[in-house]
C-alpha atoms as a PDB file:
ATOM      1  CA  MET A   1      73.773  47.957  55.462  1.00  0.00           C
ATOM      2  CA  LYS A   2      73.528  49.916  58.696  1.00  0.00           C
ATOM      3  CA  SER A   3      70.080  51.155  59.478  1.00  0.00           C
ATOM      4  CA  PHE A   4      69.565  54.976  59.818  1.00  0.00           C
ATOM      5  CA  PHE A   5      67.184  54.278  62.631  1.00  0.00           C
ATOM      6  CA  ASP A   6      67.572  52.109  65.737  1.00  0.00           C
ATOM      7  CA  GLY A   7      64.912  49.767  67.061  1.00  0.00           C
ATOM      8  CA  HIS A   8      63.132  52.585  68.780  1.00  0.00           C
ATOM      9  CA  GLY A   9      62.645  54.695  65.703  1.00  0.00           C
ATOM     10  CA  ILE A  10      65.086  57.378  66.816  1.00  0.00           C
ATOM     11  CA  CYS A  11      68.086  58.303  64.800  1.00  0.00           C
ATOM     12  CA  SER A  12      71.010  56.867  66.706  1.00  0.00           C
ATOM     13  CA  ASP A  13      73.711  59.169  65.390  1.00  0.00           C
ATOM     14  CA  ALA A  14      71.672  62.335  66.022  1.00  0.00           C
ATOM     15  CA  LEU A  15      70.757  61.158  69.495  1.00  0.00           C
ATOM     16  CA  LYS A  16      74.397  60.525  70.477  1.00  0.00           C
ATOM     17  CA  ALA A  17      75.515  63.809  68.996  1.00  0.00           C
ATOM     18  CA  SER A  18      72.856  65.694  70.999  1.00  0.00           C
ATOM     19  CA  GLY A  19      74.056  64.219  74.355  1.00  0.00           C
ATOM     20  CA  LYS A  20      70.504  63.123  75.184  1.00  0.00           C
ATOM     21  CA  LYS A  21      69.865  59.984  77.285  1.00  0.00           C
ATOM     22  CA  ARG A  22      67.235  57.487  76.697  1.00  0.00           C
ATOM     23  CA  TYR A  23      65.419  56.423  79.854  1.00  0.00           C
ATOM     24  CA  VAL A  24      62.379  54.212  80.404  1.00  0.00           C
ATOM     25  CA  LEU A  25      60.181  54.687  83.504  1.00  0.00           C
ATOM     26  CA  LEU A  26      58.433  51.664  84.995  1.00  0.00           C
ATOM     27  CA  SER A  27      55.947  53.033  87.374  1.00  0.00           C
ATOM     28  CA  CYS A  28      52.768  52.598  89.436  1.00  0.00           C
ATOM     29  CA  GLU A  29      49.930  54.363  87.604  1.00  0.00           C
ATOM     30  CA  ILE A  30      49.354  56.381  90.761  1.00  0.00           C
ATOM     31  CA  ILE A  31      51.689  59.042  89.278  1.00  0.00           C
ATOM     32  CA  TYR A  32      50.354  58.709  85.713  1.00  0.00           C
ATOM     33  CA  ARG A  33      49.654  62.349  85.086  1.00  0.00           C
ATOM     34  CA  GLU A  34      52.609  63.703  86.805  1.00  0.00           C
ATOM     35  CA  ALA A  35      55.051  61.364  85.215  1.00  0.00           C
ATOM     36  CA  CYS A  36      53.664  61.914  81.713  1.00  0.00           C
ATOM     37  CA  LEU A  37      53.936  65.632  82.294  1.00  0.00           C
ATOM     38  CA  LEU A  38      57.577  65.465  83.455  1.00  0.00           C
ATOM     39  CA  ALA A  39      58.545  62.986  80.667  1.00  0.00           C
ATOM     40  CA  ALA A  40      57.201  65.439  78.000  1.00  0.00           C
ATOM     41  CA  GLU A  41      59.144  68.239  79.591  1.00  0.00           C
ATOM     42  CA  SER A  42      62.388  66.304  79.880  1.00  0.00           C
ATOM     43  CA  GLU A  43      65.351  67.142  77.653  1.00  0.00           C
ATOM     44  CA  ASN A  44      66.065  63.389  77.487  1.00  0.00           C
ATOM     45  CA  ILE A  45      64.025  60.760  75.644  1.00  0.00           C
ATOM     46  CA  VAL A  46      61.803  59.176  78.253  1.00  0.00           C
ATOM     47  CA  ASP A  47      59.525  56.252  77.515  1.00  0.00           C
ATOM     48  CA  VAL A  48      56.840  55.435  80.079  1.00  0.00           C
ATOM     49  CA  ASN A  49      55.364  52.107  81.234  1.00  0.00           C
ATOM     50  CA  PHE A  50      52.689  51.900  83.952  1.00  0.00           C
ATOM     51  CA  LEU A  51      51.429  49.035  85.999  1.00  0.00           C
ATOM     52  CA  PRO A  52      48.097  48.906  88.035  1.00  0.00           C
ATOM     53  CA  LYS A  53      47.727  50.605  91.240  1.00  0.00           C
ATOM     54  CA  GLY A  54      47.888  48.347  94.313  1.00  0.00           C
ATOM     55  CA  LEU A  55      50.686  45.898  93.516  1.00  0.00           C
ATOM     56  CA  HIS A  56      52.052  46.366  97.053  1.00  0.00           C
ATOM     57  CA  ASP A  57      48.841  44.829  98.332  1.00  0.00           C
ATOM     58  CA  MET A  58      49.608  41.550  96.479  1.00  0.00           C
ATOM     59  CA  GLY A  59      52.449  40.859  98.930  1.00  0.00           C
ATOM     60  CA  GLN A  60      56.251  41.291  98.613  1.00  0.00           C
ATOM     61  CA  GLU A  61      56.905  38.210  96.594  1.00  0.00           C
ATOM     62  CA  LYS A  62      54.167  38.666  93.975  1.00  0.00           C
ATOM     63  CA  MET A  63      54.894  42.343  93.574  1.00  0.00           C
ATOM     64  CA  SER A  64      58.587  41.646  93.126  1.00  0.00           C
ATOM     65  CA  GLU A  65      57.936  38.896  90.550  1.00  0.00           C
ATOM     66  CA  ARG A  66      55.573  41.181  88.548  1.00  0.00           C
ATOM     67  CA  LEU A  67      58.182  44.097  88.459  1.00  0.00           C
ATOM     68  CA  GLN A  68      61.130  41.812  87.719  1.00  0.00           C
ATOM     69  CA  GLU A  69      59.303  40.334  84.695  1.00  0.00           C
ATOM     70  CA  HIS A  70      58.865  43.830  83.184  1.00  0.00           C
ATOM     71  CA  ILE A  71      62.449  44.851  84.167  1.00  0.00           C
ATOM     72  CA  THR A  72      63.964  41.810  82.510  1.00  0.00           C
ATOM     73  CA  ASP A  73      62.120  42.762  79.250  1.00  0.00           C
ATOM     74  CA  LEU A  74      63.276  46.306  79.383  1.00  0.00           C
ATOM     75  CA  ASP A  75      66.901  45.345  80.137  1.00  0.00           C
ATOM     76  CA  GLU A  76      67.191  44.133  76.567  1.00  0.00           C
ATOM     77  CA  LYS A  77      66.020  47.462  74.953  1.00  0.00           C
ATOM     78  CA  GLY A  78      69.250  49.335  75.180  1.00  0.00           C
ATOM     79  CA  TYR A  79      68.146  52.114  77.522  1.00  0.00           C
ATOM     80  CA  ASP A  80      70.679  54.161  79.375  1.00  0.00           C
ATOM     81  CA  ALA A  81      68.739  53.556  82.685  1.00  0.00           C
ATOM     82  CA  ILE A  82      65.488  52.021  83.906  1.00  0.00           C
ATOM     83  CA  LEU A  83      63.738  54.432  86.236  1.00  0.00           C
ATOM     84  CA  LEU A  84      61.446  52.923  88.869  1.00  0.00           C
ATOM     85  CA  GLY A  85      58.326  54.993  89.917  1.00  0.00           C
ATOM     86  CA  TYR A  86      58.074  53.087  93.161  1.00  0.00           C
ATOM     87  CA  GLY A  87      59.203  53.407  96.771  1.00  0.00           C
ATOM     88  CA  ARG A  88      60.071  50.526  99.006  1.00  0.00           C
ATOM     89  CA  CYS A  89      56.392  49.737  99.018  1.00  0.00           C
ATOM     90  CA  ASN A  90      56.174  46.875 101.734  1.00  0.00           C
ATOM     91  CA  ASN A  91      59.571  45.618 100.368  1.00  0.00           C
ATOM     92  CA  GLY A  92      57.875  44.951  97.027  1.00  0.00           C
ATOM     93  CA  VAL A  93      61.113  46.210  95.273  1.00  0.00           C
ATOM     94  CA  ALA A  94      63.466  44.114  97.204  1.00  0.00           C
ATOM     95  CA  GLY A  95      65.462  41.631  94.969  1.00  0.00           C
ATOM     96  CA  LEU A  96      64.993  43.578  91.775  1.00  0.00           C
ATOM     97  CA  THR A  97      68.048  43.340  89.501  1.00  0.00           C
ATOM     98  CA  THR A  98      69.286  43.696  85.890  1.00  0.00           C
ATOM     99  CA  LYS A  99      72.060  42.270  83.738  1.00  0.00           C
ATOM    100  CA  LYS A 100      72.747  45.140  81.391  1.00  0.00           C
ATOM    101  CA  THR A 101      70.985  48.386  82.406  1.00  0.00           C
ATOM    102  CA  PRO A 102      71.264  50.477  85.619  1.00  0.00           C
ATOM    103  CA  LEU A 103      68.138  50.776  87.762  1.00  0.00           C
ATOM    104  CA  VAL A 104      67.386  54.052  89.544  1.00  0.00           C
ATOM    105  CA  ILE A 105      64.716  54.220  92.360  1.00  0.00           C
ATOM    106  CA  PRO A 106      63.996  57.024  94.785  1.00  0.00           C
ATOM    107  CA  ARG A 107      64.775  56.412  98.534  1.00  0.00           C
ATOM    108  CA  ALA A 108      61.137  56.538  99.641  1.00  0.00           C
ATOM    109  CA  HIS A 109      58.943  54.283 101.759  1.00  0.00           C
ATOM    110  CA  ASP A 110      55.908  54.801  99.467  1.00  0.00           C
ATOM    111  CA  CYS A 111      54.461  56.877  96.696  1.00  0.00           C
ATOM    112  CA  ILE A 112      53.151  59.646  98.975  1.00  0.00           C
ATOM    113  CA  THR A 113      56.711  60.869  99.289  1.00  0.00           C
ATOM    114  CA  PHE A 114      56.578  61.576  95.442  1.00  0.00           C
ATOM    115  CA  PHE A 115      53.740  64.054  95.950  1.00  0.00           C
ATOM    116  CA  PHE A 116      55.492  65.870  98.771  1.00  0.00           C
ATOM    117  CA  GLY A 117      58.654  66.180  96.840  1.00  0.00           C
ATOM    118  CA  SER A 118      61.007  64.693  99.410  1.00  0.00           C
ATOM    119  CA  GLN A 119      60.986  62.088 102.323  1.00  0.00           C
ATOM    120  CA  GLN A 120      61.648  64.902 104.857  1.00  0.00           C
ATOM    121  CA  ALA A 121      58.588  66.966 103.757  1.00  0.00           C
ATOM    122  CA  TYR A 122      56.447  63.821 103.838  1.00  0.00           C
ATOM    123  CA  ASN A 123      57.738  62.871 107.325  1.00  0.00           C
ATOM    124  CA  ASP A 124      57.059  66.426 108.645  1.00  0.00           C
ATOM    125  CA  TYR A 125      53.478  66.329 107.501  1.00  0.00           C
ATOM    126  CA  PHE A 126      52.923  62.807 108.628  1.00  0.00           C
ATOM    127  CA  ASN A 127      54.255  63.392 112.145  1.00  0.00           C
ATOM    128  CA  SER A 128      52.232  66.598 112.610  1.00  0.00           C
ATOM    129  CA  HIS A 129      49.011  65.181 111.090  1.00  0.00           C
ATOM    130  CA  PRO A 130      48.513  61.565 112.371  1.00  0.00           C
ATOM    131  CA  GLY A 131      45.635  59.718 111.051  1.00  0.00           C
ATOM    132  CA  THR A 132      45.631  61.147 107.522  1.00  0.00           C
ATOM    133  CA  TYR A 133      44.341  59.390 104.317  1.00  0.00           C
ATOM    134  CA  PHE A 134      45.855  61.014 101.189  1.00  0.00           C
ATOM    135  CA  ARG A 135      44.241  61.587  97.935  1.00  0.00           C
ATOM    136  CA  THR A 136      45.665  62.795  94.534  1.00  0.00           C
ATOM    137  CA  THR A 137      44.414  62.672  90.923  1.00  0.00           C
ATOM    138  CA  GLY A 138      45.934  59.095  90.635  1.00  0.00           C
ATOM    139  CA  TRP A 139      44.413  57.797  93.847  1.00  0.00           C
ATOM    140  CA  SER A 140      41.064  59.221  92.682  1.00  0.00           C
ATOM    141  CA  GLU A 141      40.807  58.064  89.081  1.00  0.00           C
ATOM    142  CA  ARG A 142      43.023  55.006  89.011  1.00  0.00           C
ATOM    143  CA  GLY A 143      40.522  52.409  90.376  1.00  0.00           C
ATOM    144  CA  ASP A 144      40.782  48.625  90.795  1.00  0.00           C
ATOM    145  CA  TYR A 145      40.901  46.299  87.838  1.00  0.00           C
ATOM    146  CA  GLU A 146      38.935  43.182  86.986  1.00  0.00           C
ATOM    147  CA  ASP A 147      42.069  41.321  87.322  1.00  0.00           C
ATOM    148  CA  MET A 148      41.927  40.151  90.955  1.00  0.00           C
ATOM    149  CA  GLU A 149      45.700  40.172  91.311  1.00  0.00           C
ATOM    150  CA  SER A 150      45.719  43.922  90.729  1.00  0.00           C
ATOM    151  CA  GLN A 151      42.944  44.771  93.175  1.00  0.00           C
ATOM    152  CA  THR A 152      43.839  46.099  96.567  1.00  0.00           C
ATOM    153  CA  VAL A 153      43.406  43.981  99.688  1.00  0.00           C
ATOM    154  CA  MET A 154      40.870  46.441 101.028  1.00  0.00           C
ATOM    155  CA  SER A 155      38.727  46.051  97.978  1.00  0.00           C
ATOM    156  CA  LYS A 156      39.051  42.207  97.798  1.00  0.00           C
ATOM    157  CA  LEU A 157      37.861  41.930 101.470  1.00  0.00           C
ATOM    158  CA  GLY A 158      35.181  44.572 101.100  1.00  0.00           C
ATOM    159  CA  LEU A 159      36.782  46.830 103.726  1.00  0.00           C
ATOM    160  CA  ASP A 160      36.613  50.019 101.681  1.00  0.00           C
ATOM    161  CA  LYS A 161      33.040  51.037 102.640  1.00  0.00           C
ATOM    162  CA  THR A 162      31.474  53.198 105.365  1.00  0.00           C
ATOM    163  CA  TYR A 163      29.414  51.921 108.299  1.00  0.00           C
ATOM    164  CA  GLU A 164      26.214  53.322 106.674  1.00  0.00           C
ATOM    165  CA  GLU A 165      27.000  51.360 103.543  1.00  0.00           C
ATOM    166  CA  TYR A 166      27.482  48.160 105.468  1.00  0.00           C
ATOM    167  CA  VAL A 167      24.215  48.716 107.259  1.00  0.00           C
ATOM    168  CA  GLU A 168      22.426  49.081 103.946  1.00  0.00           C
ATOM    169  CA  MET A 169      24.048  45.901 102.679  1.00  0.00           C
ATOM    170  CA  TYR A 170      23.957  43.579 105.712  1.00  0.00           C
ATOM    171  CA  GLY A 171      21.933  45.173 108.440  1.00  0.00           C
ATOM    172  CA  GLN A 172      22.919  47.070 111.595  1.00  0.00           C
ATOM    173  CA  ASP A 173      24.236  44.124 113.692  1.00  0.00           C
ATOM    174  CA  ASN A 174      26.344  42.729 110.869  1.00  0.00           C
ATOM    175  CA  ALA A 175      27.614  46.196 110.068  1.00  0.00           C
ATOM    176  CA  LYS A 176      28.723  46.796 113.540  1.00  0.00           C
ATOM    177  CA  PHE A 177      30.529  43.379 113.610  1.00  0.00           C
ATOM    178  CA  ILE A 178      32.282  44.145 110.364  1.00  0.00           C
ATOM    179  CA  MET A 179      33.479  47.567 111.598  1.00  0.00           C
ATOM    180  CA  GLU A 180      34.684  46.194 114.832  1.00  0.00           C
ATOM    181  CA  SER A 181      36.336  42.957 113.674  1.00  0.00           C
ATOM    182  CA  MET A 182      37.392  43.750 110.047  1.00  0.00           C
ATOM    183  CA  GLY A 183      36.990  47.313 109.289  1.00  0.00           C
ATOM    184  CA  GLY A 184      39.029  48.606 112.138  1.00  0.00           C
ATOM    185  CA  TRP A 185      41.501  50.212 109.741  1.00  0.00           C
ATOM    186  CA  GLN A 186      39.060  53.161 109.403  1.00  0.00           C
ATOM    187  CA  GLU A 187      39.437  53.945 113.045  1.00  0.00           C
ATOM    188  CA  LYS A 188      43.130  54.877 112.528  1.00  0.00           C
ATOM    189  CA  TYR A 189      42.060  57.780 110.294  1.00  0.00           C
ATOM    190  CA  GLU A 190      40.349  61.038 111.036  1.00  0.00           C
ATOM    191  CA  ARG A 191      41.348  63.266 108.031  1.00  0.00           C
ATOM    192  CA  ILE A 192      41.568  63.238 104.334  1.00  0.00           C
ATOM    193  CA  THR A 193      44.274  65.410 102.806  1.00  0.00           C
ATOM    194  CA  TYR A 194      44.177  66.154  99.009  1.00  0.00           C
ATOM    195  CA  ILE A 195      47.614  66.948  97.590  1.00  0.00           C
ATOM    196  CA  ARG A 196      47.372  69.483  94.724  1.00  0.00           C
ATOM    197  CA  MET A 197      49.942  68.870  91.977  1.00  0.00           C
ATOM    198  CA  GLY A 198      49.212  71.825  89.680  1.00  0.00           C
ATOM    199  CA  LEU A 199      47.184  69.688  87.274  1.00  0.00           C
ATOM    200  CA  PRO A 200      43.996  70.828  85.440  1.00  0.00           C
ATOM    201  CA  SER A 201      41.928  68.081  87.120  1.00  0.00           C
ATOM    202  CA  ASP A 202      42.979  68.961  90.635  1.00  0.00           C
ATOM    203  CA  LYS A 203      39.819  70.959  91.390  1.00  0.00           C
ATOM    204  CA  GLU A 204      37.477  68.126  90.332  1.00  0.00           C
ATOM    205  CA  TYR A 205      39.202  65.598  92.533  1.00  0.00           C
ATOM    206  CA  GLU A 206      39.757  67.864  95.413  1.00  0.00           C
ATOM    207  CA  ASP A 207      35.987  68.376  95.558  1.00  0.00           C
ATOM    208  CA  LEU A 208      35.422  64.610  95.494  1.00  0.00           C
ATOM    209  CA  ALA A 209      37.968  64.167  98.261  1.00  0.00           C
ATOM    210  CA  GLN A 210      36.133  66.665 100.381  1.00  0.00           C
ATOM    211  CA  GLN A 211      32.861  64.989  99.761  1.00  0.00           C
ATOM    212  CA  GLU A 212      34.421  61.660 100.821  1.00  0.00           C
ATOM    213  CA  ALA A 213      35.703  63.193 104.114  1.00  0.00           C
ATOM    214  CA  GLN A 214      32.229  64.551 104.891  1.00  0.00           C
ATOM    215  CA  LYS A 215      30.714  61.188 104.153  1.00  0.00           C
ATOM    216  CA  ARG A 216      33.114  59.553 106.712  1.00  0.00           C
ATOM    217  CA  ASN A 217      32.752  62.319 109.183  1.00  0.00           C
ATOM    218  CA  TRP A 218      36.518  63.060 108.840  1.00  0.00           C
ATOM    219  CA  SER A 219      38.126  66.536 108.582  1.00  0.00           C
ATOM    220  CA  PHE A 220      39.549  67.662 105.278  1.00  0.00           C
ATOM    221  CA  GLU A 221      42.508  69.599 104.127  1.00  0.00           C
ATOM    222  CA  SER A 222      44.216  70.243 100.893  1.00  0.00           C
ATOM    223  CA  VAL A 223      47.945  71.064 100.467  1.00  0.00           C
ATOM    224  CA  ASP A 224      50.223  72.009  97.591  1.00  0.00           C
ATOM    225  CA  GLY A 225      52.420  69.181  96.417  1.00  0.00           C
ATOM    226  CA  ASP A 226      55.918  69.265  94.977  1.00  0.00           C
ATOM    227  CA  LEU A 227      57.192  67.633  91.816  1.00  0.00           C
ATOM    228  CA  ASN A 228      60.875  68.070  92.673  1.00  0.00           C
ATOM    229  CA  LEU A 229      61.644  64.341  93.477  1.00  0.00           C
ATOM    230  CA  LEU A 230      59.845  62.984  90.386  1.00  0.00           C
ATOM    231  CA  ARG A 231      61.367  65.710  88.181  1.00  0.00           C
ATOM    232  CA  ARG A 232      64.843  64.774  89.358  1.00  0.00           C
ATOM    233  CA  LEU A 233      64.178  61.099  88.853  1.00  0.00           C
ATOM    234  CA  ILE A 234      63.058  61.625  85.309  1.00  0.00           C
ATOM    235  CA  SER A 235      65.664  64.291  84.464  1.00  0.00           C
ATOM    236  CA  GLY A 236      68.638  62.183  85.614  1.00  0.00           C
ATOM    237  CA  ASN A 237      69.519  64.349  88.616  1.00  0.00           C
ATOM    238  CA  TRP A 238      70.133  61.557  91.056  1.00  0.00           C
ATOM    239  CA  SER A 239      71.713  62.543  94.343  1.00  0.00           C
ATOM    240  CA  VAL A 240      72.993  59.756  96.642  1.00  0.00           C
ATOM    241  CA  GLU A 241      70.897  61.062  99.434  1.00  0.00           C
ATOM    242  CA  ASP A 242      67.522  60.830  97.526  1.00  0.00           C
ATOM    243  CA  PHE A 243      68.202  57.961  94.995  1.00  0.00           C
ATOM    244  CA  LEU A 244      69.588  54.536  94.742  1.00  0.00           C
ATOM    245  CA  VAL A 245      71.511  53.725  91.549  1.00  0.00           C
ATOM    246  CA  VAL A 246      71.743  49.968  91.071  1.00  0.00           C
ATOM    247  CA  ALA A 247      74.479  48.829  88.624  1.00  0.00           C
ATOM    248  CA  PRO A 248      73.903  45.717  86.522  1.00  0.00           C
ATOM    249  CA  GLY A 249      74.604  42.650  88.608  1.00  0.00           C
ATOM    250  CA  GLN A 250      73.596  44.247  91.843  1.00  0.00           C
ATOM    251  CA  THR A 251      70.206  43.848  93.620  1.00  0.00           C
ATOM    252  CA  ILE A 252      68.016  46.092  95.634  1.00  0.00           C
ATOM    253  CA  ILE A 253      67.589  45.220  99.275  1.00  0.00           C
ATOM    254  CA  ALA A 254      65.628  46.840 102.139  1.00  0.00           C
ATOM    255  CA  ASP A 255      67.648  48.939 104.490  1.00  0.00           C
ATOM    256  CA  ASP A 256      66.363  49.923 107.976  1.00  0.00           C
ATOM    257  CA  SER A 257      69.271  52.106 108.946  1.00  0.00           C
ATOM    258  CA  GLY A 258      67.734  55.268 107.485  1.00  0.00           C
ATOM    259  CA  LYS A 259      68.687  54.854 103.894  1.00  0.00           C
ATOM    260  CA  ILE A 260      65.470  52.907 103.132  1.00  0.00           C
ATOM    261  CA  LEU A 261      66.970  51.018 100.262  1.00  0.00           C
ATOM    262  CA  SER A 262      70.505  49.746  99.562  1.00  0.00           C
ATOM    263  CA  ILE A 263      72.300  47.341  97.167  1.00  0.00           C
ATOM    264  CA  CYS A 264      74.200  44.161  97.394  1.00  0.00           C
ATOM    265  CA  ASN A 265      76.296  42.296  94.819  1.00  0.00           C
ATOM    266  CA  PHE A 266      75.559  38.825  93.716  1.00  0.00           C
ATOM    267  CA  SER A 267      77.878  36.297  95.338  1.00  0.00           C
END
């Protein structure tokens, strides 16, 4: 006898009659709050799955393997599309593919684009504010995990501390050596910018970001973000300019021509 409910607990006939789509979002937890908000607001049925922050620091091969494992599992669930809450992320999405379900991914180099709402807005800010380190709720509250594979390279190598903290831990001479030979990444930065996304927790994390900037003797700025790109990803409004739609049997490849990401067919 035919079941009244499908495997997801949703009435299939009623869902088809309503015209609603069923999507699943596989995403970095960096956009946890924003994605959950938009999924709740969506007219479609949107399931959400989050993976630990920092997968791109594992290297392209390991990140791609981790993502493909989850995508392969989701490919069997009967969704209308699998949405990826990732950018190109050091080519960590290159090689991803499905057999049954379309993949949809924003044309973005990294997740900061999500918070600015478009690649152009991010580029404009980046070009006019070099040396900026960004903070959002996700960057602030989603820390490293005990699982060493999910920890960032900076954390693994101990390069996420200030000069004063190194002095306290290892002494002045050693601290100077660390900063000069291993911790030079901090010299590229001079500012922390907190991106406000209109969330209740923004004020708390904005204050923490300002304190961090003071601690590092950097300047501080806060700007209003834009949910437009994420909203269109989750709602199904996928323009060719801003999104790559990957049909089953195709695979994602990096594209340096300006498109950021493209597709190729299996031979």
